[in-house]
């Protein structure tokens, strides 16, 4: 499966709005970093987001 640039930009913006990504201040928003909330999506002790994991995410 291949995603075009508009789809990637749209998904990155959605991840930023949901707090999973944040702009790196030194780069005036040109680059994003994963936040603590984003890292928690990799840890099974935290609730899974349906946006990241799909509709079958565990609550």
PDB file of N, CA and C in Angstrom:
ATOM      1  N   UNK A   1       0.841  -1.179   0.000  1.00  0.00           N
ATOM      2  CA  UNK A   1       0.000   0.000   0.000  1.00  0.00           C
ATOM      3  C   UNK A   1       0.881   1.235   0.000  1.00  0.00           C
ATOM      4  N   UNK A   2       0.491   2.204  -0.791  1.00  0.00           N
ATOM      5  CA  UNK A   2       1.269   3.431  -0.924  1.00  0.00           C
ATOM      6  C   UNK A   2       0.392   4.625  -0.564  1.00  0.00           C
ATOM      7  N   UNK A   3       0.899   5.494   0.268  1.00  0.00           N
ATOM      8  CA  UNK A   3       0.171   6.715   0.631  1.00  0.00           C
ATOM      9  C   UNK A   3       0.868   7.903  -0.008  1.00  0.00           C
ATOM     10  N   UNK A   4       0.103   8.770  -0.613  1.00  0.00           N
ATOM     11  CA  UNK A   4       0.663   9.971  -1.214  1.00  0.00           C
ATOM     12  C   UNK A   4       0.966  11.025  -0.165  1.00  0.00           C
ATOM     13  N   UNK A   5       1.703  12.045  -0.577  1.00  0.00           N
ATOM     14  CA  UNK A   5       2.117  13.095   0.350  1.00  0.00           C
ATOM     15  C   UNK A   5       0.937  13.783   1.037  1.00  0.00           C
ATOM     16  N   UNK A   6      -0.160  14.109   0.339  1.00  0.00           N
ATOM     17  CA  UNK A   6      -1.276  14.751   1.056  1.00  0.00           C
ATOM     18  C   UNK A   6      -1.830  13.892   2.193  1.00  0.00           C
ATOM     19  N   UNK A   7      -1.918  12.590   1.985  1.00  0.00           N
ATOM     20  CA  UNK A   7      -2.434  11.697   3.037  1.00  0.00           C
ATOM     21  C   UNK A   7      -1.485  11.652   4.226  1.00  0.00           C
ATOM     22  N   UNK A   8      -0.199  11.640   3.958  1.00  0.00           N
ATOM     23  CA  UNK A   8       0.797  11.604   5.036  1.00  0.00           C
ATOM     24  C   UNK A   8       0.740  12.896   5.844  1.00  0.00           C
ATOM     25  N   UNK A   9       0.664  14.026   5.166  1.00  0.00           N
ATOM     26  CA  UNK A   9       0.586  15.320   5.850  1.00  0.00           C
ATOM     27  C   UNK A   9      -0.685  15.389   6.693  1.00  0.00           C
ATOM     28  N   UNK A  10      -1.796  14.916   6.145  1.00  0.00           N
ATOM     29  CA  UNK A  10      -3.070  14.927   6.872  1.00  0.00           C
ATOM     30  C   UNK A  10      -2.991  14.068   8.137  1.00  0.00           C
ATOM     31  N   UNK A  11      -2.397  12.890   8.025  1.00  0.00           N
ATOM     32  CA  UNK A  11      -2.286  12.011   9.190  1.00  0.00           C
ATOM     33  C   UNK A  11      -1.322  12.574  10.230  1.00  0.00           C
ATOM     34  N   UNK A  12      -0.228  13.186   9.789  1.00  0.00           N
ATOM     35  CA  UNK A  12       0.701  13.811  10.739  1.00  0.00           C
ATOM     36  C   UNK A  12       0.013  14.949  11.486  1.00  0.00           C
ATOM     37  N   UNK A  13      -0.783  15.730  10.784  1.00  0.00           N
ATOM     38  CA  UNK A  13      -1.508  16.826  11.432  1.00  0.00           C
ATOM     39  C   UNK A  13      -2.506  16.276  12.450  1.00  0.00           C
ATOM     40  N   UNK A  14      -3.192  15.197  12.107  1.00  0.00           N
ATOM     41  CA  UNK A  14      -4.142  14.585  13.046  1.00  0.00           C
ATOM     42  C   UNK A  14      -3.404  14.044  14.275  1.00  0.00           C
ATOM     43  N   UNK A  15      -2.244  13.414  14.072  1.00  0.00           N
ATOM     44  CA  UNK A  15      -1.447  12.922  15.203  1.00  0.00           C
ATOM     45  C   UNK A  15      -0.975  14.080  16.077  1.00  0.00           C
ATOM     46  N   UNK A  16      -0.650  15.208  15.457  1.00  0.00           N
ATOM     47  CA  UNK A  16      -0.234  16.390  16.220  1.00  0.00           C
ATOM     48  C   UNK A  16      -1.413  16.929  17.030  1.00  0.00           C
ATOM     49  N   UNK A  17      -2.581  17.028  16.404  1.00  0.00           N
ATOM     50  CA  UNK A  17      -3.759  17.547  17.105  1.00  0.00           C
ATOM     51  C   UNK A  17      -4.171  16.653  18.273  1.00  0.00           C
ATOM     52  N   UNK A  18      -3.937  15.358  18.157  1.00  0.00           N
ATOM     53  CA  UNK A  18      -4.293  14.424  19.227  1.00  0.00           C
ATOM     54  C   UNK A  18      -3.192  14.290  20.279  1.00  0.00           C
ATOM     55  N   UNK A  19      -2.071  14.987  20.092  1.00  0.00           N
ATOM     56  CA  UNK A  19      -1.017  14.996  21.097  1.00  0.00           C
ATOM     57  C   UNK A  19       0.014  13.890  20.976  1.00  0.00           C
ATOM     58  N   UNK A  20      -0.005  13.125  19.880  1.00  0.00           N
ATOM     59  CA  UNK A  20       0.976  12.055  19.696  1.00  0.00           C
ATOM     60  C   UNK A  20       2.294  12.582  19.119  1.00  0.00           C
ATOM     61  N   UNK A  21       2.228  13.685  18.395  1.00  0.00           N
ATOM     62  CA  UNK A  21       3.407  14.339  17.836  1.00  0.00           C
ATOM     63  C   UNK A  21       3.396  15.801  18.265  1.00  0.00           C
ATOM     64  N   UNK A  22       4.585  16.409  18.329  1.00  0.00           N
ATOM     65  CA  UNK A  22       4.694  17.826  18.678  1.00  0.00           C
ATOM     66  C   UNK A  22       5.820  18.444  17.867  1.00  0.00           C
ATOM     67  N   UNK A  23       5.691  19.728  17.518  1.00  0.00           N
ATOM     68  CA  UNK A  23       6.762  20.392  16.783  1.00  0.00           C
ATOM     69  C   UNK A  23       8.017  20.530  17.644  1.00  0.00           C
ATOM     70  N   UNK A  24       9.156  20.466  17.005  1.00  0.00           N
ATOM     71  CA  UNK A  24      10.430  20.712  17.689  1.00  0.00           C
ATOM     72  C   UNK A  24      10.649  22.225  17.657  1.00  0.00           C
ATOM     73  N   UNK A  25      10.690  22.876  18.820  1.00  0.00           N
ATOM     74  CA  UNK A  25      10.737  24.340  18.862  1.00  0.00           C
ATOM     75  C   UNK A  25      11.876  24.968  18.055  1.00  0.00           C
ATOM     76  N   UNK A  26      13.041  24.387  18.064  1.00  0.00           N
ATOM     77  CA  UNK A  26      14.196  24.985  17.396  1.00  0.00           C
ATOM     78  C   UNK A  26      14.046  25.029  15.875  1.00  0.00           C
ATOM     79  N   UNK A  27      13.058  24.321  15.327  1.00  0.00           N
ATOM     80  CA  UNK A  27      12.912  24.242  13.875  1.00  0.00           C
ATOM     81  C   UNK A  27      11.630  24.904  13.379  1.00  0.00           C
ATOM     82  N   UNK A  28      11.037  25.770  14.183  1.00  0.00           N
ATOM     83  CA  UNK A  28       9.857  26.557  13.799  1.00  0.00           C
ATOM     84  C   UNK A  28       8.728  25.700  13.238  1.00  0.00           C
ATOM     85  N   UNK A  29       8.545  24.519  13.801  1.00  0.00           N
ATOM     86  CA  UNK A  29       7.446  23.656  13.380  1.00  0.00           C
ATOM     87  C   UNK A  29       7.704  22.843  12.129  1.00  0.00           C
ATOM     88  N   UNK A  30       8.900  22.936  11.557  1.00  0.00           N
ATOM     89  CA  UNK A  30       9.203  22.195  10.325  1.00  0.00           C
ATOM     90  C   UNK A  30       9.419  20.707  10.589  1.00  0.00           C
ATOM     91  N   UNK A  31       9.746  20.353  11.826  1.00  0.00           N
ATOM     92  CA  UNK A  31       9.975  18.953  12.188  1.00  0.00           C
ATOM     93  C   UNK A  31       9.113  18.603  13.390  1.00  0.00           C
ATOM     94  N   UNK A  32       8.703  17.338  13.451  1.00  0.00           N
ATOM     95  CA  UNK A  32       7.897  16.857  14.570  1.00  0.00           C
ATOM     96  C   UNK A  32       8.660  15.799  15.346  1.00  0.00           C
ATOM     97  N   UNK A  33       8.308  15.657  16.619  1.00  0.00           N
ATOM     98  CA  UNK A  33       8.874  14.600  17.459  1.00  0.00           C
ATOM     99  C   UNK A  33       7.720  13.837  18.088  1.00  0.00           C
ATOM    100  N   UNK A  34       7.968  12.607  18.485  1.00  0.00           N
ATOM    101  CA  UNK A  34       6.943  11.828  19.171  1.00  0.00           C
ATOM    102  C   UNK A  34       6.902  12.286  20.630  1.00  0.00           C
ATOM    103  N   UNK A  35       5.708  12.433  21.159  1.00  0.00           N
ATOM    104  CA  UNK A  35       5.527  12.896  22.536  1.00  0.00           C
ATOM    105  C   UNK A  35       5.452  11.699  23.485  1.00  0.00           C
ATOM    106  N   UNK A  36       5.376  11.996  24.763  1.00  0.00           N
ATOM    107  CA  UNK A  36       5.201  10.933  25.761  1.00  0.00           C
ATOM    108  C   UNK A  36       3.904  10.171  25.487  1.00  0.00           C
ATOM    109  N   UNK A  37       2.857  10.897  25.119  1.00  0.00           N
ATOM    110  CA  UNK A  37       1.585  10.250  24.771  1.00  0.00           C
ATOM    111  C   UNK A  37       1.773   9.310  23.589  1.00  0.00           C
ATOM    112  N   UNK A  38       2.557   9.725  22.619  1.00  0.00           N
ATOM    113  CA  UNK A  38       2.842   8.868  21.471  1.00  0.00           C
ATOM    114  C   UNK A  38       3.614   7.623  21.869  1.00  0.00           C
ATOM    115  N   UNK A  39       4.594   7.785  22.742  1.00  0.00           N
ATOM    116  CA  UNK A  39       5.373   6.632  23.224  1.00  0.00           C
ATOM    117  C   UNK A  39       4.492   5.658  24.002  1.00  0.00           C
ATOM    118  N   UNK A  40       3.504   6.168  24.709  1.00  0.00           N
ATOM    119  CA  UNK A  40       2.624   5.299  25.488  1.00  0.00           C
ATOM    120  C   UNK A  40       1.825   4.350  24.597  1.00  0.00           C
ATOM    121  N   UNK A  41       1.635   4.695  23.333  1.00  0.00           N
ATOM    122  CA  UNK A  41       0.909   3.813  22.420  1.00  0.00           C
ATOM    123  C   UNK A  41       1.669   2.509  22.176  1.00  0.00           C
ATOM    124  N   UNK A  42       2.952   2.494  22.473  1.00  0.00           N
ATOM    125  CA  UNK A  42       3.771   1.292  22.309  1.00  0.00           C
ATOM    126  C   UNK A  42       3.793   0.429  23.563  1.00  0.00           C
ATOM    127  N   UNK A  43       3.227   0.943  24.647  1.00  0.00           N
ATOM    128  CA  UNK A  43       3.232   0.241  25.925  1.00  0.00           C
ATOM    129  C   UNK A  43       1.841  -0.339  26.191  1.00  0.00           C
ATOM    130  N   UNK A  44       1.722  -1.656  26.337  1.00  0.00           N
ATOM    131  CA  UNK A  44       0.400  -2.259  26.538  1.00  0.00           C
ATOM    132  C   UNK A  44      -0.277  -1.866  27.857  1.00  0.00           C
ATOM    133  N   UNK A  45       0.443  -1.223  28.769  1.00  0.00           N
ATOM    134  CA  UNK A  45      -0.156  -0.797  30.035  1.00  0.00           C
ATOM    135  C   UNK A  45      -1.046   0.438  29.872  1.00  0.00           C
ATOM    136  N   UNK A  46      -0.960   1.109  28.734  1.00  0.00           N
ATOM    137  CA  UNK A  46      -1.750   2.309  28.484  1.00  0.00           C
ATOM    138  C   UNK A  46      -2.848   1.994  27.475  1.00  0.00           C
ATOM    139  N   UNK A  47      -3.979   2.724  27.524  1.00  0.00           N
ATOM    140  CA  UNK A  47      -5.054   2.481  26.562  1.00  0.00           C
ATOM    141  C   UNK A  47      -4.595   2.769  25.134  1.00  0.00           C
ATOM    142  N   UNK A  48      -5.074   1.972  24.208  1.00  0.00           N
ATOM    143  CA  UNK A  48      -4.725   2.148  22.801  1.00  0.00           C
ATOM    144  C   UNK A  48      -5.691   3.114  22.136  1.00  0.00           C
ATOM    145  N   UNK A  49      -5.163   3.967  21.301  1.00  0.00           N
ATOM    146  CA  UNK A  49      -5.987   4.918  20.560  1.00  0.00           C
ATOM    147  C   UNK A  49      -6.522   4.260  19.292  1.00  0.00           C
ATOM    148  N   UNK A  50      -7.822   4.365  19.032  1.00  0.00           N
ATOM    149  CA  UNK A  50      -8.364   3.838  17.782  1.00  0.00           C
ATOM    150  C   UNK A  50      -7.767   4.523  16.553  1.00  0.00           C
ATOM    151  N   UNK A  51      -7.329   5.790  16.676  1.00  0.00           N
ATOM    152  CA  UNK A  51      -6.718   6.454  15.523  1.00  0.00           C
ATOM    153  C   UNK A  51      -5.406   5.777  15.153  1.00  0.00           C
ATOM    154  N   UNK A  52      -4.632   5.376  16.147  1.00  0.00           N
ATOM    155  CA  UNK A  52      -3.338   4.739  15.899  1.00  0.00           C
ATOM    156  C   UNK A  52      -3.511   3.264  15.554  1.00  0.00           C
ATOM    157  N   UNK A  53      -4.346   2.566  16.297  1.00  0.00           N
ATOM    158  CA  UNK A  53      -4.453   1.111  16.183  1.00  0.00           C
ATOM    159  C   UNK A  53      -5.669   0.634  15.403  1.00  0.00           C
ATOM    160  N   UNK A  54      -6.552   1.524  15.008  1.00  0.00           N
ATOM    161  CA  UNK A  54      -7.741   1.131  14.259  1.00  0.00           C
ATOM    162  C   UNK A  54      -8.923   0.856  15.168  1.00  0.00           C
ATOM    163  N   UNK A  55     -10.062   0.511  14.571  1.00  0.00           N
ATOM    164  CA  UNK A  55     -11.282   0.336  15.357  1.00  0.00           C
ATOM    165  C   UNK A  55     -11.223  -0.811  16.356  1.00  0.00           C
ATOM    166  N   UNK A  56     -10.285  -1.729  16.206  1.00  0.00           N
ATOM    167  CA  UNK A  56     -10.176  -2.848  17.140  1.00  0.00           C
ATOM    168  C   UNK A  56      -9.309  -2.556  18.348  1.00  0.00           C
ATOM    169  N   UNK A  57      -8.965  -1.286  18.570  1.00  0.00           N
ATOM    170  CA  UNK A  57      -8.095  -0.927  19.693  1.00  0.00           C
ATOM    171  C   UNK A  57      -8.726  -1.337  21.014  1.00  0.00           C
ATOM    172  N   UNK A  58      -7.864  -1.779  21.924  1.00  0.00           N
ATOM    173  CA  UNK A  58      -8.334  -2.153  23.260  1.00  0.00           C
ATOM    174  C   UNK A  58      -8.582  -0.891  24.058  1.00  0.00           C
ATOM    175  N   UNK A  59      -9.612  -0.925  24.865  1.00  0.00           N
ATOM    176  CA  UNK A  59      -9.917   0.252  25.699  1.00  0.00           C
ATOM    177  C   UNK A  59      -9.551  -0.004  27.132  1.00  0.00           C
TER     178      UNK A  59
END
